[in-house]
Amino acid sequence: MIRRKVDLGTAEIRSDPERPGAYMLHIDGVAQSYVDLADPTHLEFEYMRRLSWLIDTIAPAGKPLDVLHLGGGALTMARYVAATRPGSAQEVVERDAALIDLVESELPLPVDAGVTITLDDARAALEAAPAGRFDLVIVDVYRAARMPRSVTSVEFVRAAARVLTHTGRYAANVVDVPPLAFSRVQAATVREVFADACVLSEAGLLRGRRYGNVVIAGARRRGGLPVERMTRTAQRDPLNSVFGNRVVHGPDLDRWIGAAVPAQDDDAEDGPVPPPPLLG
């Protein structure tokens, strides 16, 4: 195990004893990323597989994409895009320079990955990016295991929509606790900005029964999310949980959001604190 102080906490890289060449990145005791250096298409975390469903359906197989990753971690999704869509141009924005140094040293990217890493605040980098530049924006920004309020508002999501192409997509990884009040607000926020929106997660978690990850996706054009295809993929997921995955869309999404209203900069909140056992 490698343990090192980084700018925003303490990072640990632990090898997976059951999968040679695979590693888990923890920050302050919380699992952040899983990387298989030999097979970057192996996505151990369920929420990352859900993100891959968006990546796989955004364009024909193998076609390069322009992707903006807000939040770096161990660069798992950037590695996935590079492996499945060679020639893609990807920018990763990460605030923690020491973390990037550690990842590049211990879990190096392939030399031809086509990934540029920018050390900056996620929102500042997003607002400075050119309009219409990216096919996909992925938001996976966490500080002290919480999603910061700077990336949870309508204004932030509008900034993301601005940098997308007409057919571009947005995806955010949201970590929440029962009864998922924060996720419902985030879904309402994405729905406020994008013409099409959906939520992808485990069925049991969506009923507000436990802590976990919810992926919230948006597309600039109506019908821009391939909901039926993603639903079929969710059902076929070989690592599916016992509860199964769900894609919530349309009237079902309206019912799931309920009375939650979009967050504005003036009233946006940080994500919830994880349960104590997950804080190391």
C-alpha atoms as a PDB file:
ATOM      1  CA  MET A   1       0.000   0.000   0.000  1.00  0.00           C
ATOM      2  CA  ILE A   2       1.171   3.530  -0.812  1.00  0.00           C
ATOM      3  CA  ARG A   3       0.098   6.257   1.611  1.00  0.00           C
ATOM      4  CA  ARG A   4       0.818   9.925   1.007  1.00  0.00           C
ATOM      5  CA  LYS A   5      -0.397  13.349   2.092  1.00  0.00           C
ATOM      6  CA  VAL A   6      -1.922  15.257  -0.804  1.00  0.00           C
ATOM      7  CA  ASP A   7      -3.229  18.799  -0.985  1.00  0.00           C
ATOM      8  CA  LEU A   8      -6.776  17.938   0.101  1.00  0.00           C
ATOM      9  CA  GLY A   9      -6.246  15.010   2.468  1.00  0.00           C
ATOM     10  CA  THR A  10      -4.432  11.702   2.730  1.00  0.00           C
ATOM     11  CA  ALA A  11      -4.348   9.398  -0.284  1.00  0.00           C
ATOM     12  CA  GLU A  12      -3.822   5.650  -0.258  1.00  0.00           C
ATOM     13  CA  ILE A  13      -3.329   3.358  -3.243  1.00  0.00           C
ATOM     14  CA  ARG A  14      -4.115  -0.246  -2.388  1.00  0.00           C
ATOM     15  CA  SER A  15      -3.619  -3.197  -4.713  1.00  0.00           C
ATOM     16  CA  ASP A  16      -6.500  -5.590  -5.338  1.00  0.00           C
ATOM     17  CA  PRO A  17      -5.342  -9.042  -4.161  1.00  0.00           C
ATOM     18  CA  GLU A  18      -7.913 -10.718  -6.412  1.00  0.00           C
ATOM     19  CA  ARG A  19      -7.005  -8.851  -9.620  1.00  0.00           C
ATOM     20  CA  PRO A  20      -3.315  -8.407 -10.492  1.00  0.00           C
ATOM     21  CA  GLY A  21      -2.553  -4.955 -11.856  1.00  0.00           C
ATOM     22  CA  ALA A  22      -5.653  -3.387 -10.302  1.00  0.00           C
ATOM     23  CA  TYR A  23      -5.643  -0.703  -7.610  1.00  0.00           C
ATOM     24  CA  MET A  24      -8.030   1.271  -5.424  1.00  0.00           C
ATOM     25  CA  LEU A  25      -7.513   4.925  -4.581  1.00  0.00           C
ATOM     26  CA  HIS A  26      -8.780   6.098  -1.183  1.00  0.00           C
ATOM     27  CA  ILE A  27      -8.852   9.712   0.015  1.00  0.00           C
ATOM     28  CA  ASP A  28      -9.152  10.114   3.781  1.00  0.00           C
ATOM     29  CA  GLY A  29     -10.354   6.533   4.000  1.00  0.00           C
ATOM     30  CA  VAL A  30     -13.113   6.867   1.383  1.00  0.00           C
ATOM     31  CA  ALA A  31     -12.831   4.800  -1.812  1.00  0.00           C
ATOM     32  CA  GLN A  32     -12.589   7.204  -4.750  1.00  0.00           C
ATOM     33  CA  SER A  33     -11.392   5.293  -7.811  1.00  0.00           C
ATOM     34  CA  TYR A  34     -10.589   1.797  -9.047  1.00  0.00           C
ATOM     35  CA  VAL A  35      -8.071   1.346 -11.852  1.00  0.00           C
ATOM     36  CA  ASP A  36      -7.118  -1.797 -13.752  1.00  0.00           C
ATOM     37  CA  LEU A  37      -3.906  -0.920 -15.575  1.00  0.00           C
ATOM     38  CA  ALA A  38      -4.056  -4.056 -17.718  1.00  0.00           C
ATOM     39  CA  ASP A  39      -7.718  -3.606 -18.658  1.00  0.00           C
ATOM     40  CA  PRO A  40      -8.998  -0.018 -18.385  1.00  0.00           C
ATOM     41  CA  THR A  41     -12.415  -1.155 -19.624  1.00  0.00           C
ATOM     42  CA  HIS A  42     -12.926  -3.061 -16.358  1.00  0.00           C
ATOM     43  CA  LEU A  43     -15.026  -0.719 -14.208  1.00  0.00           C
ATOM     44  CA  GLU A  44     -15.365  -2.082 -10.707  1.00  0.00           C
ATOM     45  CA  PHE A  45     -17.558   0.688  -9.304  1.00  0.00           C
ATOM     46  CA  GLU A  46     -21.190   0.530 -10.384  1.00  0.00           C
ATOM     47  CA  TYR A  47     -21.526   4.271 -10.870  1.00  0.00           C
ATOM     48  CA  MET A  48     -18.602   4.237 -13.300  1.00  0.00           C
ATOM     49  CA  ARG A  49     -20.276   1.515 -15.337  1.00  0.00           C
ATOM     50  CA  ARG A  50     -23.367   3.714 -15.489  1.00  0.00           C
ATOM     51  CA  LEU A  51     -21.225   6.559 -16.802  1.00  0.00           C
ATOM     52  CA  SER A  52     -19.845   4.165 -19.417  1.00  0.00           C
ATOM     53  CA  TRP A  53     -23.369   3.558 -20.739  1.00  0.00           C
ATOM     54  CA  LEU A  54     -23.541   7.247 -21.662  1.00  0.00           C
ATOM     55  CA  ILE A  55     -20.090   7.147 -23.218  1.00  0.00           C
ATOM     56  CA  ASP A  56     -20.869   4.019 -25.241  1.00  0.00           C
ATOM     57  CA  THR A  57     -24.074   5.471 -26.705  1.00  0.00           C
ATOM     58  CA  ILE A  58     -23.037   9.049 -27.440  1.00  0.00           C
ATOM     59  CA  ALA A  59     -21.563   8.143 -30.852  1.00  0.00           C
ATOM     60  CA  PRO A  60     -20.857   5.055 -32.982  1.00  0.00           C
ATOM     61  CA  ALA A  61     -18.470   2.565 -31.376  1.00  0.00           C
ATOM     62  CA  GLY A  62     -14.839   3.654 -31.548  1.00  0.00           C
ATOM     63  CA  LYS A  63     -15.541   7.210 -32.680  1.00  0.00           C
ATOM     64  CA  PRO A  64     -13.292   9.706 -30.839  1.00  0.00           C
ATOM     65  CA  LEU A  65     -14.941  12.143 -28.434  1.00  0.00           C
ATOM     66  CA  ASP A  66     -14.033  15.471 -26.875  1.00  0.00           C
ATOM     67  CA  VAL A  67     -14.574  15.000 -23.138  1.00  0.00           C
ATOM     68  CA  LEU A  68     -14.225  17.318 -20.160  1.00  0.00           C
ATOM     69  CA  HIS A  69     -13.759  15.565 -16.811  1.00  0.00           C
ATOM     70  CA  LEU A  70     -14.327  17.797 -13.792  1.00  0.00           C
ATOM     71  CA  GLY A  71     -12.627  15.907 -10.979  1.00  0.00           C
ATOM     72  CA  GLY A  72      -9.711  13.616 -11.671  1.00  0.00           C
ATOM     73  CA  GLY A  73      -9.277  10.958  -9.011  1.00  0.00           C
ATOM     74  CA  ALA A  74      -7.254   8.115 -10.506  1.00  0.00           C
ATOM     75  CA  LEU A  75      -8.442   9.049 -14.050  1.00  0.00           C
ATOM     76  CA  THR A  76     -10.565   5.903 -14.394  1.00  0.00           C
ATOM     77  CA  MET A  77     -13.097   7.283 -16.861  1.00  0.00           C
ATOM     78  CA  ALA A  78     -10.440   9.062 -18.907  1.00  0.00           C
ATOM     79  CA  ARG A  79      -8.649   5.714 -19.245  1.00  0.00           C
ATOM     80  CA  TYR A  80     -11.927   4.071 -20.310  1.00  0.00           C
ATOM     81  CA  VAL A  81     -12.569   6.654 -23.038  1.00  0.00           C
ATOM     82  CA  ALA A  82      -8.978   6.388 -24.290  1.00  0.00           C
ATOM     83  CA  ALA A  83      -9.264   2.586 -24.509  1.00  0.00           C
ATOM     84  CA  THR A  84     -12.699   2.425 -26.141  1.00  0.00           C
ATOM     85  CA  ARG A  85     -12.421   5.519 -28.345  1.00  0.00           C
ATOM     86  CA  PRO A  86      -8.770   5.942 -29.413  1.00  0.00           C
ATOM     87  CA  GLY A  87      -7.934   9.412 -30.632  1.00  0.00           C
ATOM     88  CA  SER A  88     -10.300  11.142 -28.213  1.00  0.00           C
ATOM     89  CA  ALA A  89      -9.240  14.545 -26.884  1.00  0.00           C
ATOM     90  CA  GLN A  90      -9.822  14.689 -23.150  1.00  0.00           C
ATOM     91  CA  GLU A  91      -9.255  17.380 -20.554  1.00  0.00           C
ATOM     92  CA  VAL A  92      -9.223  16.528 -16.855  1.00  0.00           C
ATOM     93  CA  VAL A  93      -9.593  19.359 -14.342  1.00  0.00           C
ATOM     94  CA  GLU A  94      -8.288  18.530 -10.874  1.00  0.00           C
ATOM     95  CA  ARG A  95      -7.567  20.915  -8.022  1.00  0.00           C
ATOM     96  CA  ASP A  96      -5.212  18.626  -6.059  1.00  0.00           C
ATOM     97  CA  ALA A  97      -1.768  18.851  -7.676  1.00  0.00           C
ATOM     98  CA  ALA A  98      -0.167  16.403  -5.232  1.00  0.00           C
ATOM     99  CA  LEU A  99      -2.851  13.824  -5.989  1.00  0.00           C
ATOM    100  CA  ILE A 100      -2.217  14.092  -9.724  1.00  0.00           C
ATOM    101  CA  ASP A 101       1.513  13.719  -9.121  1.00  0.00           C
ATOM    102  CA  LEU A 102       0.852  10.559  -7.121  1.00  0.00           C
ATOM    103  CA  VAL A 103      -1.491   9.063  -9.727  1.00  0.00           C
ATOM    104  CA  GLU A 104       0.811   9.871 -12.642  1.00  0.00           C
ATOM    105  CA  SER A 105       3.735   8.296 -10.759  1.00  0.00           C
ATOM    106  CA  GLU A 106       2.072   5.136  -9.457  1.00  0.00           C
ATOM    107  CA  LEU A 107      -0.784   4.605 -11.951  1.00  0.00           C
ATOM    108  CA  PRO A 108       0.574   6.153 -15.169  1.00  0.00           C
ATOM    109  CA  LEU A 109      -1.625   6.791 -18.169  1.00  0.00           C
ATOM    110  CA  PRO A 110      -0.705   5.227 -21.518  1.00  0.00           C
ATOM    111  CA  VAL A 111       1.517   7.590 -23.496  1.00  0.00           C
ATOM    112  CA  ASP A 112      -1.070   7.804 -26.284  1.00  0.00           C
ATOM    113  CA  ALA A 113      -4.084   8.403 -24.008  1.00  0.00           C
ATOM    114  CA  GLY A 114      -4.696  11.899 -25.357  1.00  0.00           C
ATOM    115  CA  VAL A 115      -5.421  13.300 -21.881  1.00  0.00           C
ATOM    116  CA  THR A 116      -4.519  16.828 -20.795  1.00  0.00           C
ATOM    117  CA  ILE A 117      -4.596  17.547 -17.065  1.00  0.00           C
ATOM    118  CA  THR A 118      -5.349  21.065 -15.862  1.00  0.00           C
ATOM    119  CA  LEU A 119      -4.786  22.085 -12.238  1.00  0.00           C
ATOM    120  CA  ASP A 120      -7.701  24.376 -11.446  1.00  0.00           C
ATOM    121  CA  ASP A 121     -10.993  24.754  -9.646  1.00  0.00           C
ATOM    122  CA  ALA A 122     -13.705  22.829 -11.503  1.00  0.00           C
ATOM    123  CA  ARG A 123     -16.149  25.703 -11.827  1.00  0.00           C
ATOM    124  CA  ALA A 124     -13.521  28.254 -12.777  1.00  0.00           C
ATOM    125  CA  ALA A 125     -12.189  25.973 -15.509  1.00  0.00           C
ATOM    126  CA  LEU A 126     -15.698  25.250 -16.782  1.00  0.00           C
ATOM    127  CA  GLU A 127     -16.629  28.922 -16.993  1.00  0.00           C
ATOM    128  CA  ALA A 128     -13.410  29.661 -18.888  1.00  0.00           C
ATOM    129  CA  ALA A 129     -13.896  26.844 -21.428  1.00  0.00           C
ATOM    130  CA  PRO A 130     -15.006  27.711 -24.984  1.00  0.00           C
ATOM    131  CA  ALA A 131     -18.661  27.281 -25.954  1.00  0.00           C
ATOM    132  CA  GLY A 132     -19.681  24.182 -27.904  1.00  0.00           C
ATOM    133  CA  ARG A 133     -16.332  22.486 -27.325  1.00  0.00           C
ATOM    134  CA  PHE A 134     -17.188  19.105 -25.769  1.00  0.00           C
ATOM    135  CA  ASP A 135     -19.292  16.059 -26.587  1.00  0.00           C
ATOM    136  CA  LEU A 136     -19.479  15.099 -22.921  1.00  0.00           C
ATOM    137  CA  VAL A 137     -18.954  16.733 -19.530  1.00  0.00           C
ATOM    138  CA  ILE A 138     -18.504  14.405 -16.551  1.00  0.00           C
ATOM    139  CA  VAL A 139     -18.760  15.918 -13.072  1.00  0.00           C
ATOM    140  CA  ASP A 140     -17.187  13.894 -10.251  1.00  0.00           C
ATOM    141  CA  VAL A 141     -16.005  16.626  -7.888  1.00  0.00           C
ATOM    142  CA  TYR A 142     -15.576  15.872  -4.182  1.00  0.00           C
ATOM    143  CA  ARG A 143     -13.860  17.572  -1.270  1.00  0.00           C
ATOM    144  CA  ALA A 144     -13.715  15.817   2.091  1.00  0.00           C
ATOM    145  CA  ALA A 145     -16.068  13.168   0.603  1.00  0.00           C
ATOM    146  CA  ARG A 146     -18.734  15.810  -0.148  1.00  0.00           C
ATOM    147  CA  MET A 147     -19.843  17.378  -3.411  1.00  0.00           C
ATOM    148  CA  PRO A 148     -19.099  21.128  -3.072  1.00  0.00           C
ATOM    149  CA  ARG A 149     -21.946  23.569  -3.519  1.00  0.00           C
ATOM    150  CA  SER A 150     -20.072  25.350  -6.318  1.00  0.00           C
ATOM    151  CA  VAL A 151     -20.964  22.453  -8.665  1.00  0.00           C
ATOM    152  CA  THR A 152     -24.547  21.842  -7.535  1.00  0.00           C
ATOM    153  CA  SER A 153     -26.484  24.845  -8.853  1.00  0.00           C
ATOM    154  CA  VAL A 154     -28.491  25.731 -11.943  1.00  0.00           C
ATOM    155  CA  GLU A 155     -25.847  28.318 -12.808  1.00  0.00           C
ATOM    156  CA  PHE A 156     -23.145  25.645 -12.794  1.00  0.00           C
ATOM    157  CA  VAL A 157     -25.204  23.245 -14.927  1.00  0.00           C
ATOM    158  CA  ARG A 158     -25.948  26.058 -17.394  1.00  0.00           C
ATOM    159  CA  ALA A 159     -22.210  26.666 -17.669  1.00  0.00           C
ATOM    160  CA  ALA A 160     -21.771  22.979 -18.485  1.00  0.00           C
ATOM    161  CA  ALA A 161     -24.523  23.090 -21.101  1.00  0.00           C
ATOM    162  CA  ARG A 162     -22.797  26.083 -22.729  1.00  0.00           C
ATOM    163  CA  VAL A 163     -19.578  24.135 -23.423  1.00  0.00           C
ATOM    164  CA  LEU A 164     -21.394  21.141 -24.938  1.00  0.00           C
ATOM    165  CA  THR A 165     -22.065  20.539 -28.610  1.00  0.00           C
ATOM    166  CA  HIS A 166     -25.704  20.489 -29.751  1.00  0.00           C
ATOM    167  CA  THR A 167     -25.788  16.700 -29.303  1.00  0.00           C
ATOM    168  CA  GLY A 168     -23.615  16.754 -26.178  1.00  0.00           C
ATOM    169  CA  ARG A 169     -24.372  15.118 -22.847  1.00  0.00           C
ATOM    170  CA  TYR A 170     -23.805  15.922 -19.205  1.00  0.00           C
ATOM    171  CA  ALA A 171     -23.343  13.438 -16.374  1.00  0.00           C
ATOM    172  CA  ALA A 172     -22.792  13.988 -12.652  1.00  0.00           C
ATOM    173  CA  ASN A 173     -21.932  11.457  -9.975  1.00  0.00           C
ATOM    174  CA  VAL A 174     -23.920  12.319  -6.845  1.00  0.00           C
ATOM    175  CA  VAL A 175     -23.324  10.541  -3.534  1.00  0.00           C
ATOM    176  CA  ASP A 176     -26.273  10.675  -1.162  1.00  0.00           C
ATOM    177  CA  VAL A 177     -27.838   9.323   2.013  1.00  0.00           C
ATOM    178  CA  PRO A 178     -31.468   8.300   2.652  1.00  0.00           C
ATOM    179  CA  PRO A 179     -33.979   9.658   1.772  1.00  0.00           C
ATOM    180  CA  LEU A 180     -31.961  11.054  -1.190  1.00  0.00           C
ATOM    181  CA  ALA A 181     -33.155  14.641  -0.735  1.00  0.00           C
ATOM    182  CA  PHE A 182     -29.910  15.989  -2.188  1.00  0.00           C
ATOM    183  CA  SER A 183     -30.128  13.762  -5.288  1.00  0.00           C
ATOM    184  CA  ARG A 184     -33.711  14.820  -5.952  1.00  0.00           C
ATOM    185  CA  VAL A 185     -32.666  18.479  -5.845  1.00  0.00           C
ATOM    186  CA  GLN A 186     -29.758  17.725  -8.191  1.00  0.00           C
ATOM    187  CA  ALA A 187     -32.071  15.905 -10.616  1.00  0.00           C
ATOM    188  CA  ALA A 188     -34.447  18.881 -10.556  1.00  0.00           C
ATOM    189  CA  THR A 189     -31.469  21.157 -11.229  1.00  0.00           C
ATOM    190  CA  VAL A 190     -30.335  19.161 -14.267  1.00  0.00           C
ATOM    191  CA  ARG A 191     -33.906  18.885 -15.570  1.00  0.00           C
ATOM    192  CA  GLU A 192     -34.239  22.677 -15.301  1.00  0.00           C
ATOM    193  CA  VAL A 193     -31.352  23.199 -17.750  1.00  0.00           C
ATOM    194  CA  PHE A 194     -31.418  20.258 -20.164  1.00  0.00           C
ATOM    195  CA  ALA A 195     -34.128  19.287 -22.636  1.00  0.00           C
ATOM    196  CA  ASP A 196     -33.747  15.625 -21.647  1.00  0.00           C
ATOM    197  CA  ALA A 197     -32.736  14.203 -18.279  1.00  0.00           C
ATOM    198  CA  CYS A 198     -32.614  10.897 -16.439  1.00  0.00           C
ATOM    199  CA  VAL A 199     -31.307   9.243 -13.288  1.00  0.00           C
ATOM    200  CA  LEU A 200     -29.336   5.980 -13.225  1.00  0.00           C
ATOM    201  CA  SER A 201     -28.824   4.017 -10.031  1.00  0.00           C
ATOM    202  CA  GLU A 202     -29.587   0.877  -8.085  1.00  0.00           C
ATOM    203  CA  ALA A 203     -33.293   0.217  -7.634  1.00  0.00           C
ATOM    204  CA  GLY A 204     -33.068  -0.184  -3.860  1.00  0.00           C
ATOM    205  CA  LEU A 205     -31.054   2.991  -3.460  1.00  0.00           C
ATOM    206  CA  LEU A 206     -33.547   4.978  -5.543  1.00  0.00           C
ATOM    207  CA  ARG A 207     -36.218   4.023  -3.020  1.00  0.00           C
ATOM    208  CA  GLY A 208     -34.189   5.945  -0.452  1.00  0.00           C
ATOM    209  CA  ARG A 209     -33.106   2.943   1.580  1.00  0.00           C
ATOM    210  CA  ARG A 210     -29.337   3.353   1.767  1.00  0.00           C
ATOM    211  CA  TYR A 211     -26.239   5.427   1.042  1.00  0.00           C
ATOM    212  CA  GLY A 212     -24.776   5.276  -2.453  1.00  0.00           C
ATOM    213  CA  ASN A 213     -24.185   6.807  -5.870  1.00  0.00           C
ATOM    214  CA  VAL A 214     -26.741   8.290  -8.230  1.00  0.00           C
ATOM    215  CA  VAL A 215     -25.745   9.297 -11.764  1.00  0.00           C
ATOM    216  CA  ILE A 216     -27.770  12.196 -13.163  1.00  0.00           C
ATOM    217  CA  ALA A 217     -27.573  12.751 -16.918  1.00  0.00           C
ATOM    218  CA  GLY A 218     -28.762  15.455 -19.262  1.00  0.00           C
ATOM    219  CA  ALA A 219     -28.787  16.117 -23.004  1.00  0.00           C
ATOM    220  CA  ARG A 220     -29.175  19.424 -24.810  1.00  0.00           C
ATOM    221  CA  ARG A 221     -31.767  18.141 -27.260  1.00  0.00           C
ATOM    222  CA  ARG A 222     -35.068  16.466 -26.473  1.00  0.00           C
ATOM    223  CA  GLY A 223     -34.760  12.699 -26.851  1.00  0.00           C
ATOM    224  CA  GLY A 224     -30.980  13.029 -26.656  1.00  0.00           C
ATOM    225  CA  LEU A 225     -30.621  10.302 -24.035  1.00  0.00           C
ATOM    226  CA  PRO A 226     -30.915   6.706 -25.346  1.00  0.00           C
ATOM    227  CA  VAL A 227     -33.058   5.594 -22.414  1.00  0.00           C
ATOM    228  CA  GLU A 228     -34.210   2.280 -23.867  1.00  0.00           C
ATOM    229  CA  ARG A 229     -30.685   1.240 -24.815  1.00  0.00           C
ATOM    230  CA  MET A 230     -29.307   2.246 -21.413  1.00  0.00           C
ATOM    231  CA  THR A 231     -32.097   0.317 -19.709  1.00  0.00           C
ATOM    232  CA  ARG A 232     -31.222  -2.834 -21.651  1.00  0.00           C
ATOM    233  CA  THR A 233     -27.555  -2.372 -20.763  1.00  0.00           C
ATOM    234  CA  ALA A 234     -28.453  -1.910 -17.094  1.00  0.00           C
ATOM    235  CA  GLN A 235     -30.374  -5.168 -17.097  1.00  0.00           C
ATOM    236  CA  ARG A 236     -27.470  -7.047 -18.709  1.00  0.00           C
ATOM    237  CA  ASP A 237     -24.768  -5.658 -16.413  1.00  0.00           C
ATOM    238  CA  PRO A 238     -22.792  -8.779 -15.352  1.00  0.00           C
ATOM    239  CA  LEU A 239     -21.798  -7.113 -12.068  1.00  0.00           C
ATOM    240  CA  ASN A 240     -25.318  -5.934 -11.333  1.00  0.00           C
ATOM    241  CA  SER A 241     -26.280  -5.682  -7.675  1.00  0.00           C
ATOM    242  CA  VAL A 242     -28.936  -7.997  -6.257  1.00  0.00           C
ATOM    243  CA  PHE A 243     -31.416  -5.108  -6.491  1.00  0.00           C
ATOM    244  CA  GLY A 244     -30.703  -4.362 -10.152  1.00  0.00           C
ATOM    245  CA  ASN A 245     -30.095  -1.042 -11.891  1.00  0.00           C
ATOM    246  CA  ARG A 246     -32.781   1.382 -13.026  1.00  0.00           C
ATOM    247  CA  VAL A 247     -32.965   4.242 -15.488  1.00  0.00           C
ATOM    248  CA  VAL A 248     -35.588   6.771 -14.366  1.00  0.00           C
ATOM    249  CA  HIS A 249     -36.897   9.066 -17.087  1.00  0.00           C
ATOM    250  CA  GLY A 250     -39.936  11.054 -18.190  1.00  0.00           C
ATOM    251  CA  PRO A 251     -43.001  10.930 -15.910  1.00  0.00           C
ATOM    252  CA  ASP A 252     -41.201   8.448 -13.637  1.00  0.00           C
ATOM    253  CA  LEU A 253     -38.454  11.025 -13.135  1.00  0.00           C
ATOM    254  CA  ASP A 254     -41.048  13.708 -12.378  1.00  0.00           C
ATOM    255  CA  ARG A 255     -42.551  11.492  -9.693  1.00  0.00           C
ATOM    256  CA  TRP A 256     -39.133  10.612  -8.264  1.00  0.00           C
ATOM    257  CA  ILE A 257     -38.123  14.289  -8.014  1.00  0.00           C
ATOM    258  CA  GLY A 258     -41.438  15.129  -6.381  1.00  0.00           C
ATOM    259  CA  ALA A 259     -41.512  18.522  -4.695  1.00  0.00           C
ATOM    260  CA  ALA A 260     -37.734  19.102  -4.929  1.00  0.00           C
ATOM    261  CA  VAL A 261     -36.812  22.383  -6.603  1.00  0.00           C
ATOM    262  CA  PRO A 262     -33.634  23.317  -8.503  1.00  0.00           C
ATOM    263  CA  ALA A 263     -30.730  24.721  -6.498  1.00  0.00           C
ATOM    264  CA  GLN A 264     -29.531  28.245  -7.248  1.00  0.00           C
ATOM    265  CA  ASP A 265     -26.137  29.690  -6.370  1.00  0.00           C
ATOM    266  CA  ASP A 266     -27.719  31.637  -3.504  1.00  0.00           C
ATOM    267  CA  ASP A 267     -29.149  28.548  -1.798  1.00  0.00           C
ATOM    268  CA  ALA A 268     -27.037  25.637  -3.085  1.00  0.00           C
ATOM    269  CA  GLU A 269     -25.657  23.259  -0.466  1.00  0.00           C
ATOM    270  CA  ASP A 270     -22.746  20.855  -0.214  1.00  0.00           C
ATOM    271  CA  GLY A 271     -23.527  17.175  -0.573  1.00  0.00           C
ATOM    272  CA  PRO A 272     -24.340  15.227   2.601  1.00  0.00           C
ATOM    273  CA  VAL A 273     -21.733  13.851   4.981  1.00  0.00           C
ATOM    274  CA  PRO A 274     -21.157  10.113   4.385  1.00  0.00           C
ATOM    275  CA  PRO A 275     -22.066   7.693   7.190  1.00  0.00           C
ATOM    276  CA  PRO A 276     -19.314   7.390   9.850  1.00  0.00           C
ATOM    277  CA  PRO A 277     -18.148   3.856   8.867  1.00  0.00           C
ATOM    278  CA  LEU A 278     -17.181   5.185   5.411  1.00  0.00           C
ATOM    279  CA  LEU A 279     -15.034   7.984   6.773  1.00  0.00           C
ATOM    280  CA  GLY A 280     -12.184   5.709   7.774  1.00  0.00           C
END
